[in-house]
Protein backbone atom coordinates (compact mmCIF):
# COMPACT_ATOMS: atom_id res chain seq x y z
CA MET A 1 13.20 3.42 -26.07
CA PRO A 2 11.80 0.82 -23.09
CA THR A 3 8.54 0.49 -22.62
CA ASP A 4 6.03 1.66 -19.43
CA ALA A 5 6.25 -2.40 -18.81
CA SER A 6 10.63 -2.17 -18.44
CA LYS A 7 10.61 0.96 -16.66
CA ALA A 8 13.52 0.04 -14.26
CA GLU A 9 12.75 3.16 -11.68
CA TRP A 10 9.87 1.44 -10.68
CA LYS A 11 11.56 -1.51 -9.20
CA LEU A 12 9.35 -4.91 -10.29
CA GLU A 13 11.72 -7.86 -9.86
CA GLY A 14 9.98 -10.44 -8.18
CA GLN A 15 10.55 -9.58 -5.43
CA VAL A 16 7.79 -9.37 -2.51
CA LEU A 17 6.96 -6.59 -0.44
CA SER A 18 4.88 -5.99 3.01
CA VAL A 19 2.43 -3.51 3.83
CA SER A 20 0.37 -3.12 6.55
CA LEU A 21 -3.44 -1.11 6.02
CA HIS A 22 -6.56 -1.96 7.62
CA VAL A 23 -9.18 -3.92 6.33
CA ARG A 24 -11.49 -0.89 5.78
CA GLU A 25 -8.94 0.56 3.48
CA SER A 26 -9.00 0.74 0.00
CA VAL A 27 -7.89 -0.80 -2.65
CA GLY A 28 -6.65 2.24 -4.10
CA ALA A 29 -5.33 3.11 -1.22
CA LEU A 30 -2.85 0.44 -1.37
CA LYS A 31 -2.16 1.25 -4.78
CA GLU A 32 -0.84 4.52 -3.16
CA ARG A 33 1.28 2.98 -0.61
CA LEU A 34 3.24 0.60 -3.73
CA ARG A 35 3.47 4.11 -6.11
CA ASP A 36 5.46 5.21 -2.24
CA VAL A 37 7.33 0.97 -2.28
CA LEU A 38 8.09 1.17 -6.25
CA GLY A 39 10.12 4.30 -7.13
CA GLY A 40 6.53 5.95 -8.30
CA MET A 41 5.17 3.28 -10.00
CA PRO A 42 1.45 6.06 -10.45
CA THR A 43 -1.18 4.51 -8.98
CA ASN A 44 -3.47 4.14 -12.60
CA LYS A 45 -0.19 1.70 -14.29
CA GLN A 46 -0.90 -0.58 -11.56
CA GLN A 47 -2.75 -3.80 -11.98
CA LEU A 48 -3.65 -6.60 -8.16
CA GLY A 49 -4.60 -9.79 -7.94
CA CYS A 50 -5.07 -12.44 -5.65
CA ALA A 51 -5.82 -15.84 -5.60
CA GLY A 52 -9.59 -16.40 -7.66
CA VAL A 53 -9.55 -12.41 -8.24
CA PRO A 54 -7.64 -11.32 -11.39
CA LEU A 55 -7.65 -7.93 -10.89
CA LEU A 56 -8.99 -6.15 -7.41
CA LYS A 57 -10.78 -3.06 -7.68
CA ASP A 58 -9.96 0.80 -6.46
CA LYS A 59 -12.36 1.24 -4.74
CA ASP A 60 -13.86 -2.03 -3.45
CA THR A 61 -11.80 -2.35 0.60
CA LEU A 62 -9.53 -5.43 1.50
CA ALA A 63 -12.36 -6.21 2.89
CA ALA A 64 -14.59 -6.37 0.91
CA TYR A 65 -11.84 -8.96 -1.33
CA ASN A 66 -11.41 -11.34 2.28
CA LEU A 67 -8.16 -10.41 2.43
CA MET A 68 -6.39 -11.23 5.72
CA ASP A 69 -2.58 -10.85 7.64
CA GLY A 70 0.01 -12.58 5.00
CA GLU A 71 -1.97 -12.43 2.20
CA GLU A 72 0.47 -12.34 -1.51
CA LEU A 73 -1.35 -10.15 -4.14
CA THR A 74 -0.04 -10.11 -7.03
CA LEU A 75 1.64 -7.01 -8.43
CA LYS A 76 0.97 -6.33 -13.12
CA VAL A 77 1.79 -3.60 -14.78
CA LYS A 78 -1.82 -2.72 -16.89
CA VAL A 79 -1.35 -2.27 -20.01
CA ARG A 80 -3.38 -0.13 -22.11
CA GLY A 81 -5.58 -1.79 -24.31
CA GLY A 82 -5.75 -5.29 -22.16
CA ARG A 83 -2.74 -6.65 -23.90
């Protein structure tokens, strides 16, 4: 049986995606956009990070992390228990 991290329909293949949002939008809003692009990957399974910040919190805005145009974020599958 496949684990959550290996669900093929989530299309996590190391690709680079481009998403445009206003800096006043929340990290949660970004996760919702990614859910649509990645074939329905639930937002509660997404873990976003950027240089120097391993975990972006859903309630914070993109401006709170000083994210600028062209900023690269990493997306990982959140695993229960932090493992």
